[in-house]
Amino acid sequence: MSVVFSSLATISKLLRKTNLTPKERYVIVIADLASKERDGKTILTKAKKDAIVNNWQPATVDEAEEFNRYNQAWKLTITAELEASNHYLEAKSKMQDLALFLTSIKDGALTPFAFLGEPYRSIKINEAEARDKIADAIKGTGNQLADAYATLLTYKKLFDDISDFYGVDLSYMIRRFIAQTKLLIDAYNNPPFGKYGLWPIDINTIEPKAGAVDLYRENIFKLLKKPK
Protein backbone atom coordinates (compact mmCIF):
# COMPACT_ATOMS: atom_id res chain seq x y z
CA MET A 1 0.00 0.00 0.00
CA SER A 2 1.41 3.41 -0.89
CA VAL A 3 1.53 6.27 1.59
CA VAL A 4 -1.75 8.19 1.82
CA PHE A 5 -2.54 11.61 3.23
CA SER A 6 -4.06 11.83 6.68
CA SER A 7 -7.75 12.70 6.50
CA LEU A 8 -7.46 16.19 8.02
CA ALA A 9 -4.42 17.07 5.92
CA THR A 10 -6.28 16.02 2.80
CA ILE A 11 -9.29 18.18 3.63
CA SER A 12 -7.17 21.22 4.51
CA LYS A 13 -5.22 21.00 1.26
CA LEU A 14 -8.28 20.67 -0.93
CA LEU A 15 -10.27 23.39 0.82
CA ARG A 16 -7.65 25.91 -0.27
CA LYS A 17 -8.55 25.27 -3.90
CA THR A 18 -11.15 27.42 -5.63
CA ASN A 19 -12.16 25.07 -8.43
CA LEU A 20 -12.63 21.53 -7.15
CA THR A 21 -13.07 18.55 -9.43
CA PRO A 22 -15.89 16.06 -8.73
CA LYS A 23 -13.32 13.60 -7.36
CA GLU A 24 -11.85 16.22 -5.03
CA ARG A 25 -15.31 17.12 -3.74
CA TYR A 26 -15.99 13.48 -2.95
CA VAL A 27 -12.57 13.02 -1.36
CA ILE A 28 -13.26 15.90 1.03
CA VAL A 29 -16.50 14.34 2.28
CA ILE A 30 -14.98 10.85 2.59
CA ALA A 31 -11.89 12.17 4.35
CA ASP A 32 -14.02 14.10 6.82
CA LEU A 33 -16.17 11.04 7.50
CA ALA A 34 -13.09 8.85 8.01
CA SER A 35 -11.55 11.38 10.39
CA LYS A 36 -14.71 11.58 12.49
CA GLU A 37 -15.09 7.79 12.69
CA ARG A 38 -11.45 6.98 13.30
CA ASP A 39 -10.17 9.94 15.33
CA GLY A 40 -13.27 11.86 16.40
CA LYS A 41 -11.99 14.98 14.61
CA THR A 42 -13.59 17.09 11.88
CA ILE A 43 -13.02 20.46 10.25
CA LEU A 44 -15.90 20.25 7.79
CA THR A 45 -18.98 22.06 9.03
CA LYS A 46 -22.43 21.34 7.67
CA ALA A 47 -22.33 24.64 5.78
CA LYS A 48 -19.03 23.71 4.12
CA LYS A 49 -20.31 20.26 3.26
CA ASP A 50 -23.45 21.77 1.73
CA ALA A 51 -21.37 24.18 -0.33
CA ILE A 52 -19.02 21.46 -1.55
CA VAL A 53 -21.54 18.72 -2.30
CA ASN A 54 -25.21 19.23 -1.50
CA ASN A 55 -25.62 22.68 -3.09
CA TRP A 56 -23.01 22.18 -5.82
CA GLN A 57 -24.24 22.22 -9.41
CA PRO A 58 -22.12 20.35 -11.97
CA ALA A 59 -21.00 22.58 -14.83
CA THR A 60 -21.19 19.80 -17.39
CA VAL A 61 -22.84 16.44 -17.97
CA ASP A 62 -19.42 14.82 -17.63
CA GLU A 63 -18.97 16.32 -14.15
CA ALA A 64 -22.39 15.07 -13.07
CA GLU A 65 -21.67 11.60 -14.45
CA GLU A 66 -18.26 11.46 -12.76
CA PHE A 67 -19.65 12.47 -9.37
CA ASN A 68 -22.46 9.94 -9.70
CA ARG A 69 -19.92 7.19 -10.38
CA TYR A 70 -18.04 8.07 -7.17
CA ASN A 71 -21.32 8.05 -5.27
CA GLN A 72 -22.19 4.57 -6.55
CA ALA A 73 -18.68 3.31 -5.80
CA TRP A 74 -18.93 4.60 -2.23
CA LYS A 75 -22.24 2.81 -1.70
CA LEU A 76 -20.58 -0.43 -2.86
CA THR A 77 -17.67 0.26 -0.51
CA ILE A 78 -20.05 0.59 2.44
CA THR A 79 -21.77 -2.65 1.41
CA ALA A 80 -18.37 -4.37 1.31
CA GLU A 81 -17.65 -3.08 4.82
CA LEU A 82 -20.94 -4.51 6.07
CA GLU A 83 -20.19 -7.90 4.53
CA ALA A 84 -16.74 -7.86 6.11
CA SER A 85 -18.33 -7.19 9.49
CA ASN A 86 -20.63 -10.18 8.95
CA HIS A 87 -17.62 -12.49 8.68
CA TYR A 88 -16.43 -11.29 12.08
CA LEU A 89 -19.91 -11.52 13.63
CA GLU A 90 -20.46 -15.06 12.34
CA ALA A 91 -17.10 -16.12 13.78
CA LYS A 92 -18.03 -14.51 17.09
CA SER A 93 -21.36 -16.36 17.11
CA LYS A 94 -19.55 -19.63 16.42
CA MET A 95 -17.28 -19.03 19.43
CA GLN A 96 -20.29 -18.33 21.63
CA ASP A 97 -21.93 -21.57 20.44
CA LEU A 98 -18.74 -23.46 21.25
CA ALA A 99 -18.58 -22.04 24.76
CA LEU A 100 -22.21 -23.00 25.32
CA PHE A 101 -21.59 -26.52 24.01
CA LEU A 102 -18.53 -27.11 26.18
CA THR A 103 -20.35 -26.00 29.31
CA SER A 104 -23.18 -28.40 28.44
CA ILE A 105 -20.94 -31.48 28.73
CA LYS A 106 -20.79 -32.56 32.34
CA ASP A 107 -20.36 -35.95 33.96
CA GLY A 108 -20.64 -37.78 30.67
CA ALA A 109 -23.89 -36.13 29.66
CA LEU A 110 -25.09 -33.33 27.43
CA THR A 111 -26.98 -31.42 30.08
CA PRO A 112 -30.06 -29.27 29.39
CA PHE A 113 -29.34 -25.85 27.93
CA ALA A 114 -31.27 -23.29 25.94
CA PHE A 115 -30.44 -22.81 22.28
CA LEU A 116 -32.61 -20.51 20.19
CA GLY A 117 -35.14 -20.72 23.00
CA GLU A 118 -35.57 -24.49 22.75
CA PRO A 119 -34.56 -26.62 25.78
CA TYR A 120 -32.68 -29.85 25.11
CA ARG A 121 -32.94 -32.91 27.32
CA SER A 122 -29.94 -34.43 29.03
CA ILE A 123 -28.42 -36.97 26.65
CA LYS A 124 -26.16 -39.63 28.15
CA ILE A 125 -22.95 -40.20 26.20
CA ASN A 126 -19.85 -42.21 26.91
CA GLU A 127 -16.36 -40.75 27.29
CA ALA A 128 -15.33 -41.54 23.72
CA GLU A 129 -18.45 -39.90 22.29
CA ALA A 130 -17.85 -36.85 24.46
CA ARG A 131 -14.27 -36.56 23.20
CA ASP A 132 -15.44 -36.85 19.58
CA LYS A 133 -18.15 -34.24 20.01
CA ILE A 134 -15.73 -31.86 21.72
CA ALA A 135 -13.14 -32.40 18.98
CA ASP A 136 -15.66 -31.81 16.20
CA ALA A 137 -16.98 -28.64 17.84
CA ILE A 138 -13.52 -27.19 18.45
CA LYS A 139 -12.20 -28.09 15.01
CA GLY A 140 -15.26 -26.65 13.27
CA THR A 141 -14.98 -23.40 15.21
CA GLY A 142 -11.28 -23.14 14.47
CA ASN A 143 -11.89 -23.61 10.77
CA GLN A 144 -14.48 -20.82 10.74
CA LEU A 145 -12.23 -18.46 12.70
CA ALA A 146 -9.31 -19.06 10.34
CA ASP A 147 -11.55 -18.62 7.30
CA ALA A 148 -12.97 -15.36 8.68
CA TYR A 149 -9.47 -14.03 9.35
CA ALA A 150 -8.29 -14.97 5.84
CA THR A 151 -11.35 -13.34 4.27
CA LEU A 152 -10.88 -10.14 6.26
CA LEU A 153 -7.25 -9.92 5.11
CA THR A 154 -8.59 -9.96 1.55
CA TYR A 155 -11.07 -7.18 2.34
CA LYS A 156 -8.22 -5.15 3.83
CA LYS A 157 -6.24 -5.39 0.59
CA LEU A 158 -9.27 -4.11 -1.29
CA PHE A 159 -9.66 -1.20 1.12
CA ASP A 160 -5.93 -0.47 0.91
CA ASP A 161 -6.33 -0.03 -2.85
CA ILE A 162 -9.45 2.13 -2.44
CA SER A 163 -7.49 4.23 0.06
CA ASP A 164 -4.74 4.74 -2.51
CA PHE A 165 -7.26 5.94 -5.06
CA TYR A 166 -8.78 8.58 -2.78
CA GLY A 167 -5.60 9.49 -0.90
CA VAL A 168 -7.47 8.79 2.35
CA ASP A 169 -6.91 5.97 4.83
CA LEU A 170 -10.11 3.90 4.66
CA SER A 171 -8.52 0.60 5.68
CA TYR A 172 -9.41 1.34 9.31
CA MET A 173 -12.91 0.20 8.34
CA ILE A 174 -11.56 -3.36 8.02
CA ARG A 175 -8.65 -3.25 10.47
CA ARG A 176 -11.09 -3.05 13.39
CA PHE A 177 -12.74 -6.34 12.35
CA ILE A 178 -9.35 -7.98 11.88
CA ALA A 179 -8.33 -6.90 15.39
CA GLN A 180 -11.57 -8.22 16.88
CA THR A 181 -11.23 -11.54 15.04
CA LYS A 182 -7.65 -11.84 16.29
CA LEU A 183 -8.98 -11.50 19.85
CA LEU A 184 -11.39 -14.37 19.16
CA ILE A 185 -8.50 -16.49 17.87
CA ASP A 186 -6.42 -15.64 20.95
CA ALA A 187 -9.33 -16.80 23.12
CA TYR A 188 -9.70 -19.95 21.02
CA ASN A 189 -6.01 -20.81 21.52
CA ASN A 190 -6.18 -20.43 25.30
CA PRO A 191 -8.22 -21.94 28.16
CA PRO A 192 -10.94 -22.98 28.38
CA PHE A 193 -10.89 -23.82 24.66
CA GLY A 194 -7.16 -24.28 24.22
CA LYS A 195 -6.88 -26.65 27.17
CA TYR A 196 -7.93 -29.47 24.88
CA GLY A 197 -4.78 -28.91 22.80
CA LEU A 198 -6.61 -29.35 19.52
CA TRP A 199 -5.93 -27.49 16.29
CA PRO A 200 -4.42 -24.21 17.54
CA ILE A 201 -4.57 -21.38 15.00
CA ASP A 202 -1.35 -19.63 13.94
CA ILE A 203 -2.47 -16.35 12.39
CA ASN A 204 1.01 -15.81 10.97
CA THR A 205 0.39 -18.65 8.52
CA ILE A 206 -3.02 -17.41 7.33
CA GLU A 207 -3.01 -15.96 3.82
CA PRO A 208 -5.67 -13.71 2.25
CA LYS A 209 -8.50 -15.76 0.77
CA ALA A 210 -8.24 -15.76 -3.01
CA GLY A 211 -11.33 -14.57 -4.86
CA ALA A 212 -13.21 -13.43 -1.76
CA VAL A 213 -13.73 -9.85 -2.96
CA ASP A 214 -13.13 -10.10 -6.71
CA LEU A 215 -16.64 -8.95 -7.62
CA TYR A 216 -16.47 -5.94 -5.29
CA ARG A 217 -13.04 -5.02 -6.65
CA GLU A 218 -14.20 -5.25 -10.25
CA ASN A 219 -17.39 -3.23 -9.75
CA ILE A 220 -15.91 -0.55 -7.48
CA PHE A 221 -12.90 0.20 -9.66
CA LYS A 222 -14.98 0.08 -12.81
CA LEU A 223 -16.87 3.04 -11.32
CA LEU A 224 -13.83 4.84 -9.94
CA LYS A 225 -11.82 4.77 -13.14
CA LYS A 226 -12.87 7.03 -15.99
CA PRO A 227 -14.44 4.99 -18.82
CA LYS A 228 -12.33 4.90 -21.98
C-alpha atoms as a PDB file:
ATOM      1  CA  MET A   1       0.000   0.000   0.000  1.00  0.00           C
ATOM      2  CA  SER A   2       1.409   3.409  -0.890  1.00  0.00           C
ATOM      3  CA  VAL A   3       1.534   6.268   1.591  1.00  0.00           C
ATOM      4  CA  VAL A   4      -1.748   8.190   1.815  1.00  0.00           C
ATOM      5  CA  PHE A   5      -2.540  11.612   3.235  1.00  0.00           C
ATOM      6  CA  SER A   6      -4.057  11.826   6.684  1.00  0.00           C
ATOM      7  CA  SER A   7      -7.748  12.700   6.503  1.00  0.00           C
ATOM      8  CA  LEU A   8      -7.460  16.190   8.017  1.00  0.00           C
ATOM      9  CA  ALA A   9      -4.420  17.073   5.925  1.00  0.00           C
ATOM     10  CA  THR A  10      -6.284  16.018   2.796  1.00  0.00           C
ATOM     11  CA  ILE A  11      -9.291  18.181   3.629  1.00  0.00           C
ATOM     12  CA  SER A  12      -7.175  21.221   4.505  1.00  0.00           C
ATOM     13  CA  LYS A  13      -5.218  20.998   1.260  1.00  0.00           C
ATOM     14  CA  LEU A  14      -8.280  20.672  -0.935  1.00  0.00           C
ATOM     15  CA  LEU A  15     -10.273  23.395   0.823  1.00  0.00           C
ATOM     16  CA  ARG A  16      -7.653  25.914  -0.274  1.00  0.00           C
ATOM     17  CA  LYS A  17      -8.548  25.270  -3.901  1.00  0.00           C
ATOM     18  CA  THR A  18     -11.148  27.425  -5.627  1.00  0.00           C
ATOM     19  CA  ASN A  19     -12.161  25.071  -8.432  1.00  0.00           C
ATOM     20  CA  LEU A  20     -12.632  21.535  -7.148  1.00  0.00           C
ATOM     21  CA  THR A  21     -13.065  18.554  -9.430  1.00  0.00           C
ATOM     22  CA  PRO A  22     -15.887  16.057  -8.733  1.00  0.00           C
ATOM     23  CA  LYS A  23     -13.322  13.600  -7.365  1.00  0.00           C
ATOM     24  CA  GLU A  24     -11.853  16.221  -5.032  1.00  0.00           C
ATOM     25  CA  ARG A  25     -15.308  17.117  -3.737  1.00  0.00           C
ATOM     26  CA  TYR A  26     -15.991  13.479  -2.948  1.00  0.00           C
ATOM     27  CA  VAL A  27     -12.565  13.024  -1.364  1.00  0.00           C
ATOM     28  CA  ILE A  28     -13.262  15.899   1.034  1.00  0.00           C
ATOM     29  CA  VAL A  29     -16.499  14.342   2.275  1.00  0.00           C
ATOM     30  CA  ILE A  30     -14.984  10.854   2.592  1.00  0.00           C
ATOM     31  CA  ALA A  31     -11.891  12.168   4.350  1.00  0.00           C
ATOM     32  CA  ASP A  32     -14.018  14.103   6.822  1.00  0.00           C
ATOM     33  CA  LEU A  33     -16.171  11.036   7.504  1.00  0.00           C
ATOM     34  CA  ALA A  34     -13.094   8.852   8.012  1.00  0.00           C
ATOM     35  CA  SER A  35     -11.548  11.376  10.386  1.00  0.00           C
ATOM     36  CA  LYS A  36     -14.708  11.579  12.492  1.00  0.00           C
ATOM     37  CA  GLU A  37     -15.093   7.790  12.695  1.00  0.00           C
ATOM     38  CA  ARG A  38     -11.452   6.983  13.301  1.00  0.00           C
ATOM     39  CA  ASP A  39     -10.173   9.940  15.327  1.00  0.00           C
ATOM     40  CA  GLY A  40     -13.268  11.864  16.404  1.00  0.00           C
ATOM     41  CA  LYS A  41     -11.992  14.980  14.615  1.00  0.00           C
ATOM     42  CA  THR A  42     -13.587  17.087  11.878  1.00  0.00           C
ATOM     43  CA  ILE A  43     -13.023  20.462  10.249  1.00  0.00           C
ATOM     44  CA  LEU A  44     -15.895  20.246   7.788  1.00  0.00           C
ATOM     45  CA  THR A  45     -18.977  22.061   9.028  1.00  0.00           C
ATOM     46  CA  LYS A  46     -22.426  21.337   7.667  1.00  0.00           C
ATOM     47  CA  ALA A  47     -22.328  24.641   5.779  1.00  0.00           C
ATOM     48  CA  LYS A  48     -19.031  23.713   4.124  1.00  0.00           C
ATOM     49  CA  LYS A  49     -20.309  20.255   3.257  1.00  0.00           C
ATOM     50  CA  ASP A  50     -23.450  21.771   1.727  1.00  0.00           C
ATOM     51  CA  ALA A  51     -21.366  24.182  -0.335  1.00  0.00           C
ATOM     52  CA  ILE A  52     -19.020  21.463  -1.548  1.00  0.00           C
ATOM     53  CA  VAL A  53     -21.541  18.721  -2.302  1.00  0.00           C
ATOM     54  CA  ASN A  54     -25.209  19.227  -1.503  1.00  0.00           C
ATOM     55  CA  ASN A  55     -25.616  22.680  -3.088  1.00  0.00           C
ATOM     56  CA  TRP A  56     -23.012  22.180  -5.821  1.00  0.00           C
ATOM     57  CA  GLN A  57     -24.239  22.216  -9.406  1.00  0.00           C
ATOM     58  CA  PRO A  58     -22.120  20.349 -11.970  1.00  0.00           C
ATOM     59  CA  ALA A  59     -20.998  22.583 -14.828  1.00  0.00           C
ATOM     60  CA  THR A  60     -21.190  19.798 -17.395  1.00  0.00           C
ATOM     61  CA  VAL A  61     -22.841  16.442 -17.970  1.00  0.00           C
ATOM     62  CA  ASP A  62     -19.417  14.824 -17.632  1.00  0.00           C
ATOM     63  CA  GLU A  63     -18.972  16.319 -14.152  1.00  0.00           C
ATOM     64  CA  ALA A  64     -22.389  15.073 -13.069  1.00  0.00           C
ATOM     65  CA  GLU A  65     -21.674  11.602 -14.449  1.00  0.00           C
ATOM     66  CA  GLU A  66     -18.262  11.460 -12.763  1.00  0.00           C
ATOM     67  CA  PHE A  67     -19.654  12.469  -9.368  1.00  0.00           C
ATOM     68  CA  ASN A  68     -22.460   9.938  -9.705  1.00  0.00           C
ATOM     69  CA  ARG A  69     -19.917   7.187 -10.379  1.00  0.00           C
ATOM     70  CA  TYR A  70     -18.040   8.071  -7.175  1.00  0.00           C
ATOM     71  CA  ASN A  71     -21.318   8.047  -5.271  1.00  0.00           C
ATOM     72  CA  GLN A  72     -22.194   4.567  -6.553  1.00  0.00           C
ATOM     73  CA  ALA A  73     -18.684   3.305  -5.803  1.00  0.00           C
ATOM     74  CA  TRP A  74     -18.928   4.596  -2.231  1.00  0.00           C
ATOM     75  CA  LYS A  75     -22.239   2.806  -1.704  1.00  0.00           C
ATOM     76  CA  LEU A  76     -20.580  -0.430  -2.858  1.00  0.00           C
ATOM     77  CA  THR A  77     -17.674   0.264  -0.509  1.00  0.00           C
ATOM     78  CA  ILE A  78     -20.054   0.587   2.442  1.00  0.00           C
ATOM     79  CA  THR A  79     -21.766  -2.651   1.408  1.00  0.00           C
ATOM     80  CA  ALA A  80     -18.373  -4.373   1.307  1.00  0.00           C
ATOM     81  CA  GLU A  81     -17.646  -3.078   4.817  1.00  0.00           C
ATOM     82  CA  LEU A  82     -20.937  -4.505   6.071  1.00  0.00           C
ATOM     83  CA  GLU A  83     -20.194  -7.898   4.527  1.00  0.00           C
ATOM     84  CA  ALA A  84     -16.740  -7.863   6.107  1.00  0.00           C
ATOM     85  CA  SER A  85     -18.331  -7.188   9.493  1.00  0.00           C
ATOM     86  CA  ASN A  86     -20.626 -10.180   8.955  1.00  0.00           C
ATOM     87  CA  HIS A  87     -17.615 -12.495   8.681  1.00  0.00           C
ATOM     88  CA  TYR A  88     -16.435 -11.287  12.081  1.00  0.00           C
ATOM     89  CA  LEU A  89     -19.913 -11.519  13.632  1.00  0.00           C
ATOM     90  CA  GLU A  90     -20.462 -15.056  12.335  1.00  0.00           C
ATOM     91  CA  ALA A  91     -17.097 -16.119  13.782  1.00  0.00           C
ATOM     92  CA  LYS A  92     -18.034 -14.510  17.093  1.00  0.00           C
ATOM     93  CA  SER A  93     -21.357 -16.364  17.114  1.00  0.00           C
ATOM     94  CA  LYS A  94     -19.548 -19.628  16.420  1.00  0.00           C
ATOM     95  CA  MET A  95     -17.282 -19.030  19.428  1.00  0.00           C
ATOM     96  CA  GLN A  96     -20.293 -18.332  21.630  1.00  0.00           C
ATOM     97  CA  ASP A  97     -21.926 -21.565  20.441  1.00  0.00           C
ATOM     98  CA  LEU A  98     -18.741 -23.465  21.246  1.00  0.00           C
ATOM     99  CA  ALA A  99     -18.583 -22.036  24.759  1.00  0.00           C
ATOM    100  CA  LEU A 100     -22.215 -23.000  25.315  1.00  0.00           C
ATOM    101  CA  PHE A 101     -21.593 -26.515  24.015  1.00  0.00           C
ATOM    102  CA  LEU A 102     -18.528 -27.114  26.176  1.00  0.00           C
ATOM    103  CA  THR A 103     -20.349 -26.000  29.308  1.00  0.00           C
ATOM    104  CA  SER A 104     -23.182 -28.400  28.438  1.00  0.00           C
ATOM    105  CA  ILE A 105     -20.945 -31.483  28.725  1.00  0.00           C
ATOM    106  CA  LYS A 106     -20.794 -32.556  32.340  1.00  0.00           C
ATOM    107  CA  ASP A 107     -20.357 -35.954  33.964  1.00  0.00           C
ATOM    108  CA  GLY A 108     -20.639 -37.777  30.666  1.00  0.00           C
ATOM    109  CA  ALA A 109     -23.893 -36.132  29.662  1.00  0.00           C
ATOM    110  CA  LEU A 110     -25.090 -33.331  27.433  1.00  0.00           C
ATOM    111  CA  THR A 111     -26.979 -31.417  30.084  1.00  0.00           C
ATOM    112  CA  PRO A 112     -30.064 -29.270  29.387  1.00  0.00           C
ATOM    113  CA  PHE A 113     -29.341 -25.855  27.934  1.00  0.00           C
ATOM    114  CA  ALA A 114     -31.269 -23.285  25.939  1.00  0.00           C
ATOM    115  CA  PHE A 115     -30.438 -22.812  22.275  1.00  0.00           C
ATOM    116  CA  LEU A 116     -32.611 -20.512  20.193  1.00  0.00           C
ATOM    117  CA  GLY A 117     -35.136 -20.723  23.001  1.00  0.00           C
ATOM    118  CA  GLU A 118     -35.570 -24.486  22.746  1.00  0.00           C
ATOM    119  CA  PRO A 119     -34.561 -26.619  25.781  1.00  0.00           C
ATOM    120  CA  TYR A 120     -32.678 -29.849  25.106  1.00  0.00           C
ATOM    121  CA  ARG A 121     -32.943 -32.915  27.315  1.00  0.00           C
ATOM    122  CA  SER A 122     -29.942 -34.430  29.028  1.00  0.00           C
ATOM    123  CA  ILE A 123     -28.419 -36.968  26.654  1.00  0.00           C
ATOM    124  CA  LYS A 124     -26.158 -39.631  28.153  1.00  0.00           C
ATOM    125  CA  ILE A 125     -22.953 -40.196  26.196  1.00  0.00           C
ATOM    126  CA  ASN A 126     -19.852 -42.209  26.913  1.00  0.00           C
ATOM    127  CA  GLU A 127     -16.362 -40.751  27.290  1.00  0.00           C
ATOM    128  CA  ALA A 128     -15.326 -41.543  23.721  1.00  0.00           C
ATOM    129  CA  GLU A 129     -18.446 -39.903  22.290  1.00  0.00           C
ATOM    130  CA  ALA A 130     -17.845 -36.849  24.464  1.00  0.00           C
ATOM    131  CA  ARG A 131     -14.271 -36.560  23.200  1.00  0.00           C
ATOM    132  CA  ASP A 132     -15.443 -36.855  19.581  1.00  0.00           C
ATOM    133  CA  LYS A 133     -18.146 -34.245  20.015  1.00  0.00           C
ATOM    134  CA  ILE A 134     -15.726 -31.856  21.717  1.00  0.00           C
ATOM    135  CA  ALA A 135     -13.138 -32.400  18.978  1.00  0.00           C
ATOM    136  CA  ASP A 136     -15.663 -31.811  16.201  1.00  0.00           C
ATOM    137  CA  ALA A 137     -16.980 -28.643  17.835  1.00  0.00           C
ATOM    138  CA  ILE A 138     -13.522 -27.193  18.453  1.00  0.00           C
ATOM    139  CA  LYS A 139     -12.198 -28.092  15.009  1.00  0.00           C
ATOM    140  CA  GLY A 140     -15.259 -26.645  13.269  1.00  0.00           C
ATOM    141  CA  THR A 141     -14.985 -23.402  15.215  1.00  0.00           C
ATOM    142  CA  GLY A 142     -11.281 -23.138  14.472  1.00  0.00           C
ATOM    143  CA  ASN A 143     -11.891 -23.607  10.765  1.00  0.00           C
ATOM    144  CA  GLN A 144     -14.477 -20.819  10.741  1.00  0.00           C
ATOM    145  CA  LEU A 145     -12.227 -18.456  12.704  1.00  0.00           C
ATOM    146  CA  ALA A 146      -9.312 -19.057  10.343  1.00  0.00           C
ATOM    147  CA  ASP A 147     -11.551 -18.623   7.304  1.00  0.00           C
ATOM    148  CA  ALA A 148     -12.971 -15.360   8.676  1.00  0.00           C
ATOM    149  CA  TYR A 149      -9.471 -14.026   9.345  1.00  0.00           C
ATOM    150  CA  ALA A 150      -8.289 -14.968   5.839  1.00  0.00           C
ATOM    151  CA  THR A 151     -11.350 -13.342   4.274  1.00  0.00           C
ATOM    152  CA  LEU A 152     -10.878 -10.137   6.264  1.00  0.00           C
ATOM    153  CA  LEU A 153      -7.253  -9.919   5.108  1.00  0.00           C
ATOM    154  CA  THR A 154      -8.586  -9.955   1.550  1.00  0.00           C
ATOM    155  CA  TYR A 155     -11.068  -7.179   2.337  1.00  0.00           C
ATOM    156  CA  LYS A 156      -8.224  -5.145   3.833  1.00  0.00           C
ATOM    157  CA  LYS A 157      -6.237  -5.395   0.589  1.00  0.00           C
ATOM    158  CA  LEU A 158      -9.273  -4.108  -1.294  1.00  0.00           C
ATOM    159  CA  PHE A 159      -9.663  -1.198   1.116  1.00  0.00           C
ATOM    160  CA  ASP A 160      -5.928  -0.467   0.909  1.00  0.00           C
ATOM    161  CA  ASP A 161      -6.332  -0.026  -2.845  1.00  0.00           C
ATOM    162  CA  ILE A 162      -9.449   2.134  -2.437  1.00  0.00           C
ATOM    163  CA  SER A 163      -7.485   4.235   0.061  1.00  0.00           C
ATOM    164  CA  ASP A 164      -4.736   4.738  -2.515  1.00  0.00           C
ATOM    165  CA  PHE A 165      -7.255   5.944  -5.065  1.00  0.00           C
ATOM    166  CA  TYR A 166      -8.784   8.583  -2.775  1.00  0.00           C
ATOM    167  CA  GLY A 167      -5.605   9.493  -0.899  1.00  0.00           C
ATOM    168  CA  VAL A 168      -7.472   8.789   2.346  1.00  0.00           C
ATOM    169  CA  ASP A 169      -6.911   5.974   4.831  1.00  0.00           C
ATOM    170  CA  LEU A 170     -10.107   3.904   4.661  1.00  0.00           C
ATOM    171  CA  SER A 171      -8.524   0.604   5.676  1.00  0.00           C
ATOM    172  CA  TYR A 172      -9.409   1.340   9.309  1.00  0.00           C
ATOM    173  CA  MET A 173     -12.913   0.197   8.335  1.00  0.00           C
ATOM    174  CA  ILE A 174     -11.560  -3.361   8.017  1.00  0.00           C
ATOM    175  CA  ARG A 175      -8.648  -3.247  10.473  1.00  0.00           C
ATOM    176  CA  ARG A 176     -11.087  -3.051  13.391  1.00  0.00           C
ATOM    177  CA  PHE A 177     -12.743  -6.336  12.353  1.00  0.00           C
ATOM    178  CA  ILE A 178      -9.350  -7.978  11.876  1.00  0.00           C
ATOM    179  CA  ALA A 179      -8.331  -6.897  15.387  1.00  0.00           C
ATOM    180  CA  GLN A 180     -11.567  -8.218  16.881  1.00  0.00           C
ATOM    181  CA  THR A 181     -11.228 -11.538  15.044  1.00  0.00           C
ATOM    182  CA  LYS A 182      -7.652 -11.836  16.291  1.00  0.00           C
ATOM    183  CA  LEU A 183      -8.984 -11.502  19.853  1.00  0.00           C
ATOM    184  CA  LEU A 184     -11.387 -14.369  19.156  1.00  0.00           C
ATOM    185  CA  ILE A 185      -8.502 -16.485  17.865  1.00  0.00           C
ATOM    186  CA  ASP A 186      -6.424 -15.637  20.948  1.00  0.00           C
ATOM    187  CA  ALA A 187      -9.333 -16.797  23.121  1.00  0.00           C
ATOM    188  CA  TYR A 188      -9.702 -19.955  21.022  1.00  0.00           C
ATOM    189  CA  ASN A 189      -6.013 -20.807  21.517  1.00  0.00           C
ATOM    190  CA  ASN A 190      -6.181 -20.427  25.297  1.00  0.00           C
ATOM    191  CA  PRO A 191      -8.218 -21.945  28.164  1.00  0.00           C
ATOM    192  CA  PRO A 192     -10.942 -22.984  28.380  1.00  0.00           C
ATOM    193  CA  PHE A 193     -10.891 -23.819  24.658  1.00  0.00           C
ATOM    194  CA  GLY A 194      -7.157 -24.281  24.221  1.00  0.00           C
ATOM    195  CA  LYS A 195      -6.883 -26.650  27.170  1.00  0.00           C
ATOM    196  CA  TYR A 196      -7.933 -29.473  24.881  1.00  0.00           C
ATOM    197  CA  GLY A 197      -4.784 -28.909  22.805  1.00  0.00           C
ATOM    198  CA  LEU A 198      -6.612 -29.354  19.522  1.00  0.00           C
ATOM    199  CA  TRP A 199      -5.933 -27.490  16.292  1.00  0.00           C
ATOM    200  CA  PRO A 200      -4.417 -24.212  17.539  1.00  0.00           C
ATOM    201  CA  ILE A 201      -4.571 -21.378  15.000  1.00  0.00           C
ATOM    202  CA  ASP A 202      -1.353 -19.634  13.938  1.00  0.00           C
ATOM    203  CA  ILE A 203      -2.475 -16.351  12.390  1.00  0.00           C
ATOM    204  CA  ASN A 204       1.009 -15.807  10.975  1.00  0.00           C
ATOM    205  CA  THR A 205       0.390 -18.647   8.524  1.00  0.00           C
ATOM    206  CA  ILE A 206      -3.015 -17.415   7.331  1.00  0.00           C
ATOM    207  CA  GLU A 207      -3.014 -15.961   3.820  1.00  0.00           C
ATOM    208  CA  PRO A 208      -5.670 -13.715   2.250  1.00  0.00           C
ATOM    209  CA  LYS A 209      -8.500 -15.759   0.767  1.00  0.00           C
ATOM    210  CA  ALA A 210      -8.244 -15.762  -3.012  1.00  0.00           C
ATOM    211  CA  GLY A 211     -11.331 -14.573  -4.865  1.00  0.00           C
ATOM    212  CA  ALA A 212     -13.206 -13.432  -1.758  1.00  0.00           C
ATOM    213  CA  VAL A 213     -13.727  -9.849  -2.957  1.00  0.00           C
ATOM    214  CA  ASP A 214     -13.134 -10.098  -6.708  1.00  0.00           C
ATOM    215  CA  LEU A 215     -16.642  -8.948  -7.618  1.00  0.00           C
ATOM    216  CA  TYR A 216     -16.467  -5.943  -5.288  1.00  0.00           C
ATOM    217  CA  ARG A 217     -13.043  -5.019  -6.648  1.00  0.00           C
ATOM    218  CA  GLU A 218     -14.196  -5.246 -10.252  1.00  0.00           C
ATOM    219  CA  ASN A 219     -17.393  -3.227  -9.749  1.00  0.00           C
ATOM    220  CA  ILE A 220     -15.905  -0.547  -7.476  1.00  0.00           C
ATOM    221  CA  PHE A 221     -12.897   0.199  -9.663  1.00  0.00           C
ATOM    222  CA  LYS A 222     -14.981   0.082 -12.815  1.00  0.00           C
ATOM    223  CA  LEU A 223     -16.869   3.036 -11.324  1.00  0.00           C
ATOM    224  CA  LEU A 224     -13.828   4.838  -9.936  1.00  0.00           C
ATOM    225  CA  LYS A 225     -11.821   4.772 -13.138  1.00  0.00           C
ATOM    226  CA  LYS A 226     -12.868   7.028 -15.992  1.00  0.00           C
ATOM    227  CA  PRO A 227     -14.440   4.991 -18.817  1.00  0.00           C
ATOM    228  CA  LYS A 228     -12.328   4.901 -21.985  1.00  0.00           C
END
